[in-house]
Amino acid sequence: MSAQPVSPVRRTRLWRTAAALAVLLGVVAYLLVQYLTSGPGAPHCTVRVQGDGDPYELTPEQAANAATISAVAASRGLPERAVTIALATSMQESGLRNINFGDRDSVGLFQQRPSQDWGTVKEIMDPVYSAGEFYRHLVKVPGYSRLPLTVAAQKVQRSGYPQAYAKHEANAALLTGALTGRSGDVLSCTVSHPVDSAGADGAAKVRERLVREFGPEVLPRPAGGSGRSATSGRSVTVPVQPDGYRTAVEGDTVQRGWQLANWALAHAGDLHIEQISYAGRTWTASDSDKGWQGSATSGGPAESVRIVTAQ
């Protein structure tokens, strides 16, 4: 007797089951990697709470993605509220992880869908692009900065669970204060030591990433003649306020300095950074467990942030 053909309905059910199983296996594999790389003693980042309260802890991967989200907002001159909305959204959608799986065809930090005109998979998997797309949609929401966070996020995401964003608001606001520089040196990160070499072009990679995330105005034009920004060997000196740069808080150079310093700290692992200095405070990879050291009143320059990559 010949085999009966599989009906279209059954074929669809089998396909959906296989797709769901593939996503489940992807999640399990990802969580296993996260467990192995974020266990006791693994590199981690902490945002210190000023006053009473537990610190907010996150992995270097999460910190780097959050710093990119914040930097893209700065490049567009957006307020802190936009950063908080974006961070809370990514916390809910992906746990601040740039994942290549999700519901249906959703991928990336914000679980954006290629089928819904968010871009190609390759584009969405680029944190700079995906953050930019989130903000592009957010600024079209009238009065978004005055709306409840859940409402503003839902206007962009069209989620089936809009109230879920609310539970991340407090941590997102805390992280925003650190990454915009408003809260100063509250961010600390540990890294594995010795740090892998950044290579001969390590400083150039830092400059390239700065420009890509903050925009070209983050560094003076080479022909500007200001002498306030330089790449020398393994180090990059970044001016706090180069000519023409747009900041969310006009004139607040100290906040801007800590924004740049904390951005570098959040990216210390992936950019192989050995040392960061700003305003008399220094973070060193070899003593990363001690956080920022030195005194803010020790006379260090507040006009620039110095980033040194590993040899």
C-alpha atoms as a PDB file:
ATOM      1  CA  MET A   1       0.000   0.000   0.000  1.00  0.00           C
ATOM      2  CA  SER A   2       1.432   3.404  -0.956  1.00  0.00           C
ATOM      3  CA  ALA A   3       2.206   5.960   1.749  1.00  0.00           C
ATOM      4  CA  GLN A   4      -0.365   8.622   2.357  1.00  0.00           C
ATOM      5  CA  PRO A   5       0.800  12.163   1.443  1.00  0.00           C
ATOM      6  CA  VAL A   6       1.269  14.579   4.304  1.00  0.00           C
ATOM      7  CA  SER A   7      -1.572  17.106   4.390  1.00  0.00           C
ATOM      8  CA  PRO A   8      -0.763  20.828   4.105  1.00  0.00           C
ATOM      9  CA  VAL A   9      -2.118  21.432   7.622  1.00  0.00           C
ATOM     10  CA  ARG A  10       0.044  18.705   9.137  1.00  0.00           C
ATOM     11  CA  ARG A  11       3.051  19.899   7.155  1.00  0.00           C
ATOM     12  CA  THR A  12       2.557  23.400   8.561  1.00  0.00           C
ATOM     13  CA  ARG A  13       2.304  22.027  12.105  1.00  0.00           C
ATOM     14  CA  LEU A  14       5.469  19.992  11.654  1.00  0.00           C
ATOM     15  CA  TRP A  15       7.295  23.048  10.320  1.00  0.00           C
ATOM     16  CA  ARG A  16       6.163  25.191  13.242  1.00  0.00           C
ATOM     17  CA  THR A  17       7.189  22.509  15.733  1.00  0.00           C
ATOM     18  CA  ALA A  18      10.625  22.223  14.131  1.00  0.00           C
ATOM     19  CA  ALA A  19      11.045  26.007  14.116  1.00  0.00           C
ATOM     20  CA  ALA A  20      10.015  26.269  17.775  1.00  0.00           C
ATOM     21  CA  LEU A  21      12.439  23.476  18.703  1.00  0.00           C
ATOM     22  CA  ALA A  22      15.263  25.231  16.842  1.00  0.00           C
ATOM     23  CA  VAL A  23      14.582  28.475  18.734  1.00  0.00           C
ATOM     24  CA  LEU A  24      14.426  26.576  22.042  1.00  0.00           C
ATOM     25  CA  LEU A  25      17.759  24.879  21.360  1.00  0.00           C
ATOM     26  CA  GLY A  26      19.253  28.251  20.460  1.00  0.00           C
ATOM     27  CA  VAL A  27      18.037  29.739  23.752  1.00  0.00           C
ATOM     28  CA  VAL A  28      19.400  26.787  25.751  1.00  0.00           C
ATOM     29  CA  ALA A  29      22.796  27.006  24.024  1.00  0.00           C
ATOM     30  CA  TYR A  30      22.932  30.763  24.585  1.00  0.00           C
ATOM     31  CA  LEU A  31      22.035  30.486  28.270  1.00  0.00           C
ATOM     32  CA  LEU A  32      24.668  27.795  28.732  1.00  0.00           C
ATOM     33  CA  VAL A  33      27.329  30.068  27.253  1.00  0.00           C
ATOM     34  CA  GLN A  34      26.126  32.917  29.460  1.00  0.00           C
ATOM     35  CA  TYR A  35      26.350  30.713  32.558  1.00  0.00           C
ATOM     36  CA  LEU A  36      29.867  29.601  31.731  1.00  0.00           C
ATOM     37  CA  THR A  37      31.041  33.160  31.057  1.00  0.00           C
ATOM     38  CA  SER A  38      29.246  34.983  33.872  1.00  0.00           C
ATOM     39  CA  GLY A  39      29.748  32.699  36.850  1.00  0.00           C
ATOM     40  CA  PRO A  40      31.589  33.572  40.064  1.00  0.00           C
ATOM     41  CA  GLY A  41      34.861  35.360  39.339  1.00  0.00           C
ATOM     42  CA  ALA A  42      33.956  36.141  35.732  1.00  0.00           C
ATOM     43  CA  PRO A  43      34.351  39.742  34.484  1.00  0.00           C
ATOM     44  CA  HIS A  44      31.357  41.879  35.386  1.00  0.00           C
ATOM     45  CA  CYS A  45      30.160  45.473  35.650  1.00  0.00           C
ATOM     46  CA  THR A  46      28.373  47.208  38.511  1.00  0.00           C
ATOM     47  CA  VAL A  47      26.493  50.487  38.762  1.00  0.00           C
ATOM     48  CA  ARG A  48      26.816  51.812  42.295  1.00  0.00           C
ATOM     49  CA  VAL A  49      23.712  53.308  43.887  1.00  0.00           C
ATOM     50  CA  GLN A  50      24.296  56.664  45.528  1.00  0.00           C
ATOM     51  CA  GLY A  51      22.899  56.262  49.031  1.00  0.00           C
ATOM     52  CA  ASP A  52      21.022  53.153  50.155  1.00  0.00           C
ATOM     53  CA  GLY A  53      20.089  50.430  47.714  1.00  0.00           C
ATOM     54  CA  ASP A  54      21.558  47.431  45.967  1.00  0.00           C
ATOM     55  CA  PRO A  55      23.903  48.028  43.025  1.00  0.00           C
ATOM     56  CA  TYR A  56      22.831  47.017  39.541  1.00  0.00           C
ATOM     57  CA  GLU A  57      25.030  44.289  38.079  1.00  0.00           C
ATOM     58  CA  LEU A  58      25.435  43.314  34.451  1.00  0.00           C
ATOM     59  CA  THR A  59      27.859  41.446  32.228  1.00  0.00           C
ATOM     60  CA  PRO A  60      30.506  43.201  30.109  1.00  0.00           C
ATOM     61  CA  GLU A  61      28.445  42.289  27.024  1.00  0.00           C
ATOM     62  CA  GLN A  62      25.359  43.956  28.464  1.00  0.00           C
ATOM     63  CA  ALA A  63      27.353  47.013  29.575  1.00  0.00           C
ATOM     64  CA  ALA A  64      28.927  47.414  26.125  1.00  0.00           C
ATOM     65  CA  ASN A  65      25.546  47.200  24.394  1.00  0.00           C
ATOM     66  CA  ALA A  66      24.025  49.666  26.858  1.00  0.00           C
ATOM     67  CA  ALA A  67      26.926  52.085  26.304  1.00  0.00           C
ATOM     68  CA  THR A  68      26.361  51.895  22.552  1.00  0.00           C
ATOM     69  CA  ILE A  69      22.653  52.615  22.980  1.00  0.00           C
ATOM     70  CA  SER A  70      23.510  55.657  25.103  1.00  0.00           C
ATOM     71  CA  ALA A  71      26.207  56.878  22.687  1.00  0.00           C
ATOM     72  CA  VAL A  72      23.839  56.710  19.702  1.00  0.00           C
ATOM     73  CA  ALA A  73      21.369  58.891  21.619  1.00  0.00           C
ATOM     74  CA  ALA A  74      24.166  61.393  22.313  1.00  0.00           C
ATOM     75  CA  SER A  75      25.058  61.484  18.619  1.00  0.00           C
ATOM     76  CA  ARG A  76      21.468  62.551  17.911  1.00  0.00           C
ATOM     77  CA  GLY A  77      21.306  65.111  20.708  1.00  0.00           C
ATOM     78  CA  LEU A  78      18.536  63.194  22.490  1.00  0.00           C
ATOM     79  CA  PRO A  79      17.670  63.647  26.182  1.00  0.00           C
ATOM     80  CA  GLU A  80      18.296  61.169  28.970  1.00  0.00           C
ATOM     81  CA  ARG A  81      14.649  60.090  28.924  1.00  0.00           C
ATOM     82  CA  ALA A  82      15.162  58.674  25.436  1.00  0.00           C
ATOM     83  CA  VAL A  83      18.110  56.619  26.714  1.00  0.00           C
ATOM     84  CA  THR A  84      16.083  55.279  29.656  1.00  0.00           C
ATOM     85  CA  ILE A  85      13.217  54.253  27.359  1.00  0.00           C
ATOM     86  CA  ALA A  86      15.628  52.539  24.969  1.00  0.00           C
ATOM     87  CA  LEU A  87      17.525  50.716  27.724  1.00  0.00           C
ATOM     88  CA  ALA A  88      14.334  49.488  29.433  1.00  0.00           C
ATOM     89  CA  THR A  89      13.042  48.276  26.080  1.00  0.00           C
ATOM     90  CA  SER A  90      16.226  46.349  25.304  1.00  0.00           C
ATOM     91  CA  MET A  91      16.312  44.925  28.838  1.00  0.00           C
ATOM     92  CA  GLN A  92      12.860  43.460  28.263  1.00  0.00           C
ATOM     93  CA  GLU A  93      13.289  42.380  24.647  1.00  0.00           C
ATOM     94  CA  SER A  94      16.747  40.794  24.768  1.00  0.00           C
ATOM     95  CA  GLY A  95      18.262  41.302  28.214  1.00  0.00           C
ATOM     96  CA  LEU A  96      20.643  43.844  26.591  1.00  0.00           C
ATOM     97  CA  ARG A  97      22.110  41.015  24.507  1.00  0.00           C
ATOM     98  CA  ASN A  98      22.536  41.099  20.751  1.00  0.00           C
ATOM     99  CA  ILE A  99      20.827  37.771  20.109  1.00  0.00           C
ATOM    100  CA  ASN A 100      20.235  36.274  16.673  1.00  0.00           C
ATOM    101  CA  PHE A 101      16.951  34.565  17.575  1.00  0.00           C
ATOM    102  CA  GLY A 102      13.545  35.462  18.949  1.00  0.00           C
ATOM    103  CA  ASP A 103       9.817  35.323  18.294  1.00  0.00           C
ATOM    104  CA  ARG A 104       9.271  34.594  14.598  1.00  0.00           C
ATOM    105  CA  ASP A 105      11.949  36.571  12.735  1.00  0.00           C
ATOM    106  CA  SER A 106      12.833  38.952  15.609  1.00  0.00           C
ATOM    107  CA  VAL A 107      16.556  39.488  16.234  1.00  0.00           C
ATOM    108  CA  GLY A 108      18.944  41.874  17.947  1.00  0.00           C
ATOM    109  CA  LEU A 109      18.908  44.150  20.972  1.00  0.00           C
ATOM    110  CA  PHE A 110      15.358  45.358  20.380  1.00  0.00           C
ATOM    111  CA  GLN A 111      14.013  42.195  18.699  1.00  0.00           C
ATOM    112  CA  GLN A 112      13.270  44.076  15.521  1.00  0.00           C
ATOM    113  CA  ARG A 113      11.794  42.127  12.609  1.00  0.00           C
ATOM    114  CA  PRO A 114      13.084  42.232   9.015  1.00  0.00           C
ATOM    115  CA  SER A 115       9.580  41.334   7.812  1.00  0.00           C
ATOM    116  CA  GLN A 116       8.264  44.501   9.463  1.00  0.00           C
ATOM    117  CA  ASP A 117      10.648  46.815   7.583  1.00  0.00           C
ATOM    118  CA  TRP A 118      13.159  47.292  10.409  1.00  0.00           C
ATOM    119  CA  GLY A 119      16.019  46.391   8.085  1.00  0.00           C
ATOM    120  CA  THR A 120      17.902  43.290   7.066  1.00  0.00           C
ATOM    121  CA  VAL A 121      19.040  40.728   9.633  1.00  0.00           C
ATOM    122  CA  LYS A 122      22.637  41.919   9.144  1.00  0.00           C
ATOM    123  CA  GLU A 123      21.628  45.534   9.748  1.00  0.00           C
ATOM    124  CA  ILE A 124      19.502  44.762  12.811  1.00  0.00           C
ATOM    125  CA  MET A 125      22.322  42.698  14.323  1.00  0.00           C
ATOM    126  CA  ASP A 126      24.453  45.857  14.292  1.00  0.00           C
ATOM    127  CA  PRO A 127      23.807  47.562  17.692  1.00  0.00           C
ATOM    128  CA  VAL A 128      24.503  51.029  16.278  1.00  0.00           C
ATOM    129  CA  TYR A 129      21.963  50.542  13.498  1.00  0.00           C
ATOM    130  CA  SER A 130      19.292  48.936  15.693  1.00  0.00           C
ATOM    131  CA  ALA A 131      19.597  51.654  18.360  1.00  0.00           C
ATOM    132  CA  GLY A 132      19.387  54.308  15.654  1.00  0.00           C
ATOM    133  CA  GLU A 133      16.235  52.719  14.254  1.00  0.00           C
ATOM    134  CA  PHE A 134      14.656  52.593  17.705  1.00  0.00           C
ATOM    135  CA  TYR A 135      15.345  56.285  18.255  1.00  0.00           C
ATOM    136  CA  ARG A 136      14.180  57.165  14.734  1.00  0.00           C
ATOM    137  CA  HIS A 137      10.784  55.723  15.561  1.00  0.00           C
ATOM    138  CA  LEU A 138      10.736  57.045  19.127  1.00  0.00           C
ATOM    139  CA  VAL A 139      11.200  60.704  18.178  1.00  0.00           C
ATOM    140  CA  LYS A 140       8.140  60.443  15.933  1.00  0.00           C
ATOM    141  CA  VAL A 141       5.975  59.796  19.012  1.00  0.00           C
ATOM    142  CA  PRO A 142       4.496  63.159  20.079  1.00  0.00           C
ATOM    143  CA  GLY A 143       5.675  64.135  23.565  1.00  0.00           C
ATOM    144  CA  TYR A 144       7.443  60.806  24.104  1.00  0.00           C
ATOM    145  CA  SER A 145       9.658  62.210  26.885  1.00  0.00           C
ATOM    146  CA  ARG A 146       6.577  63.077  28.966  1.00  0.00           C
ATOM    147  CA  LEU A 147       4.741  59.794  28.401  1.00  0.00           C
ATOM    148  CA  PRO A 148       4.873  56.845  30.821  1.00  0.00           C
ATOM    149  CA  LEU A 149       7.756  54.629  29.774  1.00  0.00           C
ATOM    150  CA  THR A 150       5.468  51.714  28.922  1.00  0.00           C
ATOM    151  CA  VAL A 151       3.407  53.910  26.605  1.00  0.00           C
ATOM    152  CA  ALA A 152       6.428  55.402  24.809  1.00  0.00           C
ATOM    153  CA  ALA A 153       8.091  52.002  24.371  1.00  0.00           C
ATOM    154  CA  GLN A 154       4.856  50.401  23.156  1.00  0.00           C
ATOM    155  CA  LYS A 155       4.377  53.107  20.522  1.00  0.00           C
ATOM    156  CA  VAL A 156       7.636  51.904  18.986  1.00  0.00           C
ATOM    157  CA  GLN A 157       7.607  48.179  19.689  1.00  0.00           C
ATOM    158  CA  ARG A 158       3.925  47.200  19.375  1.00  0.00           C
ATOM    159  CA  SER A 159       4.526  44.454  21.917  1.00  0.00           C
ATOM    160  CA  GLY A 160       1.958  41.924  23.040  1.00  0.00           C
ATOM    161  CA  TYR A 161       3.028  42.617  26.643  1.00  0.00           C
ATOM    162  CA  PRO A 162       3.466  46.395  26.914  1.00  0.00           C
ATOM    163  CA  GLN A 163       3.352  46.520  30.726  1.00  0.00           C
ATOM    164  CA  ALA A 164       6.483  44.336  30.918  1.00  0.00           C
ATOM    165  CA  TYR A 165       8.700  47.341  30.189  1.00  0.00           C
ATOM    166  CA  ALA A 166       7.753  48.977  33.499  1.00  0.00           C
ATOM    167  CA  LYS A 167       9.699  46.512  35.657  1.00  0.00           C
ATOM    168  CA  HIS A 168      12.973  47.651  34.058  1.00  0.00           C
ATOM    169  CA  GLU A 169      12.487  51.397  34.457  1.00  0.00           C
ATOM    170  CA  ALA A 170      14.371  51.804  37.752  1.00  0.00           C
ATOM    171  CA  ASN A 171      17.461  49.908  36.580  1.00  0.00           C
ATOM    172  CA  ALA A 172      17.329  51.601  33.183  1.00  0.00           C
ATOM    173  CA  ALA A 173      17.273  55.027  34.864  1.00  0.00           C
ATOM    174  CA  LEU A 174      20.211  54.030  37.080  1.00  0.00           C
ATOM    175  CA  LEU A 175      22.198  52.830  34.078  1.00  0.00           C
ATOM    176  CA  THR A 176      21.288  55.978  32.152  1.00  0.00           C
ATOM    177  CA  GLY A 177      22.748  58.134  34.914  1.00  0.00           C
ATOM    178  CA  ALA A 178      26.040  56.239  34.633  1.00  0.00           C
ATOM    179  CA  LEU A 179      26.324  56.089  30.844  1.00  0.00           C
ATOM    180  CA  THR A 180      25.324  59.701  30.215  1.00  0.00           C
ATOM    181  CA  GLY A 181      27.929  60.744  32.784  1.00  0.00           C
ATOM    182  CA  ARG A 182      25.444  62.494  35.041  1.00  0.00           C
ATOM    183  CA  SER A 183      26.280  60.225  37.991  1.00  0.00           C
ATOM    184  CA  GLY A 184      30.042  60.435  37.551  1.00  0.00           C
ATOM    185  CA  ASP A 185      32.193  57.412  38.391  1.00  0.00           C
ATOM    186  CA  VAL A 186      29.419  55.079  39.604  1.00  0.00           C
ATOM    187  CA  LEU A 187      30.211  52.475  36.921  1.00  0.00           C
ATOM    188  CA  SER A 188      32.925  49.915  37.596  1.00  0.00           C
ATOM    189  CA  CYS A 189      33.933  46.914  35.486  1.00  0.00           C
ATOM    190  CA  THR A 190      36.347  44.053  36.046  1.00  0.00           C
ATOM    191  CA  VAL A 191      38.201  42.371  33.200  1.00  0.00           C
ATOM    192  CA  SER A 192      40.356  39.279  32.804  1.00  0.00           C
ATOM    193  CA  HIS A 193      44.047  40.069  33.188  1.00  0.00           C
ATOM    194  CA  PRO A 194      46.407  40.181  31.451  1.00  0.00           C
ATOM    195  CA  VAL A 195      44.379  41.864  28.730  1.00  0.00           C
ATOM    196  CA  ASP A 196      44.805  40.450  25.246  1.00  0.00           C
ATOM    197  CA  SER A 197      46.816  42.683  22.942  1.00  0.00           C
ATOM    198  CA  ALA A 198      44.788  45.207  20.983  1.00  0.00           C
ATOM    199  CA  GLY A 199      47.263  44.930  18.132  1.00  0.00           C
ATOM    200  CA  ALA A 200      49.183  47.651  16.367  1.00  0.00           C
ATOM    201  CA  ASP A 201      45.925  49.340  15.305  1.00  0.00           C
ATOM    202  CA  GLY A 202      44.273  49.193  18.746  1.00  0.00           C
ATOM    203  CA  ALA A 203      44.124  52.965  19.176  1.00  0.00           C
ATOM    204  CA  ALA A 204      42.777  53.388  15.654  1.00  0.00           C
ATOM    205  CA  LYS A 205      39.983  50.908  16.444  1.00  0.00           C
ATOM    206  CA  VAL A 206      39.033  52.930  19.519  1.00  0.00           C
ATOM    207  CA  ARG A 207      38.860  56.100  17.419  1.00  0.00           C
ATOM    208  CA  GLU A 208      36.815  54.322  14.761  1.00  0.00           C
ATOM    209  CA  ARG A 209      34.335  53.020  17.335  1.00  0.00           C
ATOM    210  CA  LEU A 210      34.040  56.424  19.002  1.00  0.00           C
ATOM    211  CA  VAL A 211      33.190  58.074  15.697  1.00  0.00           C
ATOM    212  CA  ARG A 212      30.761  55.347  14.707  1.00  0.00           C
ATOM    213  CA  GLU A 213      28.812  55.468  17.970  1.00  0.00           C
ATOM    214  CA  PHE A 214      29.024  59.135  18.991  1.00  0.00           C
ATOM    215  CA  GLY A 215      29.252  60.592  15.490  1.00  0.00           C
ATOM    216  CA  PRO A 216      32.130  62.334  13.660  1.00  0.00           C
ATOM    217  CA  GLU A 217      31.958  65.400  15.912  1.00  0.00           C
ATOM    218  CA  VAL A 218      33.295  63.403  18.877  1.00  0.00           C
ATOM    219  CA  LEU A 219      36.833  64.029  17.585  1.00  0.00           C
ATOM    220  CA  PRO A 220      38.152  67.247  16.059  1.00  0.00           C
ATOM    221  CA  ARG A 221      38.869  67.302  12.349  1.00  0.00           C
ATOM    222  CA  PRO A 222      42.510  66.447  11.627  1.00  0.00           C
ATOM    223  CA  ALA A 223      43.011  69.818   9.977  1.00  0.00           C
ATOM    224  CA  GLY A 224      41.467  71.726  12.878  1.00  0.00           C
ATOM    225  CA  GLY A 225      44.817  72.584  14.406  1.00  0.00           C
ATOM    226  CA  SER A 226      43.418  72.523  17.948  1.00  0.00           C
ATOM    227  CA  GLY A 227      45.866  69.898  19.136  1.00  0.00           C
ATOM    228  CA  ARG A 228      43.276  68.738  21.633  1.00  0.00           C
ATOM    229  CA  SER A 229      42.850  65.230  20.254  1.00  0.00           C
ATOM    230  CA  ALA A 230      45.581  62.806  19.329  1.00  0.00           C
ATOM    231  CA  THR A 231      46.425  59.189  18.728  1.00  0.00           C
ATOM    232  CA  SER A 232      49.881  58.314  19.935  1.00  0.00           C
ATOM    233  CA  GLY A 233      51.015  54.696  19.839  1.00  0.00           C
ATOM    234  CA  ARG A 234      48.545  52.820  22.021  1.00  0.00           C
ATOM    235  CA  SER A 235      46.700  55.832  23.443  1.00  0.00           C
ATOM    236  CA  VAL A 236      43.816  58.020  22.335  1.00  0.00           C
ATOM    237  CA  THR A 237      43.146  61.411  23.892  1.00  0.00           C
ATOM    238  CA  VAL A 238      39.507  62.426  23.432  1.00  0.00           C
ATOM    239  CA  PRO A 239      38.512  66.055  24.074  1.00  0.00           C
ATOM    240  CA  VAL A 240      35.517  66.476  26.321  1.00  0.00           C
ATOM    241  CA  GLN A 241      33.969  69.119  24.075  1.00  0.00           C
ATOM    242  CA  PRO A 242      35.457  69.360  20.588  1.00  0.00           C
ATOM    243  CA  ASP A 243      34.234  72.238  18.467  1.00  0.00           C
ATOM    244  CA  GLY A 244      30.718  71.827  17.183  1.00  0.00           C
ATOM    245  CA  TYR A 245      29.794  68.771  19.218  1.00  0.00           C
ATOM    246  CA  ARG A 246      26.162  68.529  20.288  1.00  0.00           C
ATOM    247  CA  THR A 247      25.516  67.510  23.879  1.00  0.00           C
ATOM    248  CA  ALA A 248      22.267  66.704  25.633  1.00  0.00           C
ATOM    249  CA  VAL A 249      23.365  68.956  28.502  1.00  0.00           C
ATOM    250  CA  GLU A 250      24.916  72.085  27.067  1.00  0.00           C
ATOM    251  CA  GLY A 251      28.009  73.312  28.876  1.00  0.00           C
ATOM    252  CA  ASP A 252      28.264  70.414  31.300  1.00  0.00           C
ATOM    253  CA  THR A 253      31.782  69.332  30.417  1.00  0.00           C
ATOM    254  CA  VAL A 254      32.272  67.164  33.513  1.00  0.00           C
ATOM    255  CA  GLN A 255      29.193  65.095  32.677  1.00  0.00           C
ATOM    256  CA  ARG A 256      30.390  64.802  29.098  1.00  0.00           C
ATOM    257  CA  GLY A 257      33.800  63.638  30.305  1.00  0.00           C
ATOM    258  CA  TRP A 258      32.314  60.883  32.439  1.00  0.00           C
ATOM    259  CA  GLN A 259      30.074  59.868  29.568  1.00  0.00           C
ATOM    260  CA  LEU A 260      33.162  59.243  27.430  1.00  0.00           C
ATOM    261  CA  ALA A 261      35.115  57.626  30.269  1.00  0.00           C
ATOM    262  CA  ASN A 262      32.286  55.255  31.183  1.00  0.00           C
ATOM    263  CA  TRP A 263      31.727  54.411  27.514  1.00  0.00           C
ATOM    264  CA  ALA A 264      35.387  53.351  27.308  1.00  0.00           C
ATOM    265  CA  LEU A 265      35.038  51.366  30.533  1.00  0.00           C
ATOM    266  CA  ALA A 266      31.971  49.505  29.275  1.00  0.00           C
ATOM    267  CA  HIS A 267      33.898  48.618  26.103  1.00  0.00           C
ATOM    268  CA  ALA A 268      37.162  47.787  27.897  1.00  0.00           C
ATOM    269  CA  GLY A 269      36.834  44.081  27.177  1.00  0.00           C
ATOM    270  CA  ASP A 270      35.994  44.150  23.479  1.00  0.00           C
ATOM    271  CA  LEU A 271      38.409  47.008  22.691  1.00  0.00           C
ATOM    272  CA  HIS A 272      41.264  45.532  24.823  1.00  0.00           C
ATOM    273  CA  ILE A 273      41.669  48.683  26.903  1.00  0.00           C
ATOM    274  CA  GLU A 274      44.401  48.705  29.548  1.00  0.00           C
ATOM    275  CA  GLN A 275      43.827  52.095  31.193  1.00  0.00           C
ATOM    276  CA  ILE A 276      41.364  55.007  31.228  1.00  0.00           C
ATOM    277  CA  SER A 277      42.048  58.391  32.843  1.00  0.00           C
ATOM    278  CA  TYR A 278      39.780  61.365  33.422  1.00  0.00           C
ATOM    279  CA  ALA A 279      39.791  64.294  35.850  1.00  0.00           C
ATOM    280  CA  GLY A 280      42.337  62.790  38.224  1.00  0.00           C
ATOM    281  CA  ARG A 281      40.655  59.378  38.275  1.00  0.00           C
ATOM    282  CA  THR A 282      42.158  56.276  36.670  1.00  0.00           C
ATOM    283  CA  TRP A 283      40.849  52.804  35.909  1.00  0.00           C
ATOM    284  CA  THR A 284      43.502  50.147  35.241  1.00  0.00           C
ATOM    285  CA  ALA A 285      42.854  46.642  33.923  1.00  0.00           C
ATOM    286  CA  SER A 286      45.419  45.107  36.262  1.00  0.00           C
ATOM    287  CA  ASP A 287      43.515  46.565  39.259  1.00  0.00           C
ATOM    288  CA  SER A 288      40.058  46.512  37.716  1.00  0.00           C
ATOM    289  CA  ASP A 289      38.534  45.040  40.882  1.00  0.00           C
ATOM    290  CA  LYS A 290      39.404  48.302  42.668  1.00  0.00           C
ATOM    291  CA  GLY A 291      37.386  50.447  40.242  1.00  0.00           C
ATOM    292  CA  TRP A 292      38.254  54.088  39.659  1.00  0.00           C
ATOM    293  CA  GLN A 293      41.214  55.225  41.745  1.00  0.00           C
ATOM    294  CA  GLY A 294      42.716  58.581  42.571  1.00  0.00           C
ATOM    295  CA  SER A 295      41.165  61.822  43.690  1.00  0.00           C
ATOM    296  CA  ALA A 296      38.902  64.101  41.705  1.00  0.00           C
ATOM    297  CA  THR A 297      40.708  66.986  43.428  1.00  0.00           C
ATOM    298  CA  SER A 298      44.210  65.817  42.510  1.00  0.00           C
ATOM    299  CA  GLY A 299      44.535  68.301  39.690  1.00  0.00           C
ATOM    300  CA  GLY A 300      44.042  65.944  36.741  1.00  0.00           C
ATOM    301  CA  PRO A 301      42.847  67.610  33.520  1.00  0.00           C
ATOM    302  CA  ALA A 302      39.114  67.621  32.947  1.00  0.00           C
ATOM    303  CA  GLU A 303      39.392  68.707  29.299  1.00  0.00           C
ATOM    304  CA  SER A 304      40.034  65.249  27.885  1.00  0.00           C
ATOM    305  CA  VAL A 305      39.730  61.507  28.440  1.00  0.00           C
ATOM    306  CA  ARG A 306      42.785  59.341  27.844  1.00  0.00           C
ATOM    307  CA  ILE A 307      42.321  55.743  26.702  1.00  0.00           C
ATOM    308  CA  VAL A 308      45.271  53.324  26.513  1.00  0.00           C
ATOM    309  CA  THR A 309      44.995  49.977  24.731  1.00  0.00           C
ATOM    310  CA  ALA A 310      46.894  46.828  25.679  1.00  0.00           C
ATOM    311  CA  GLN A 311      50.195  45.953  23.969  1.00  0.00           C
END
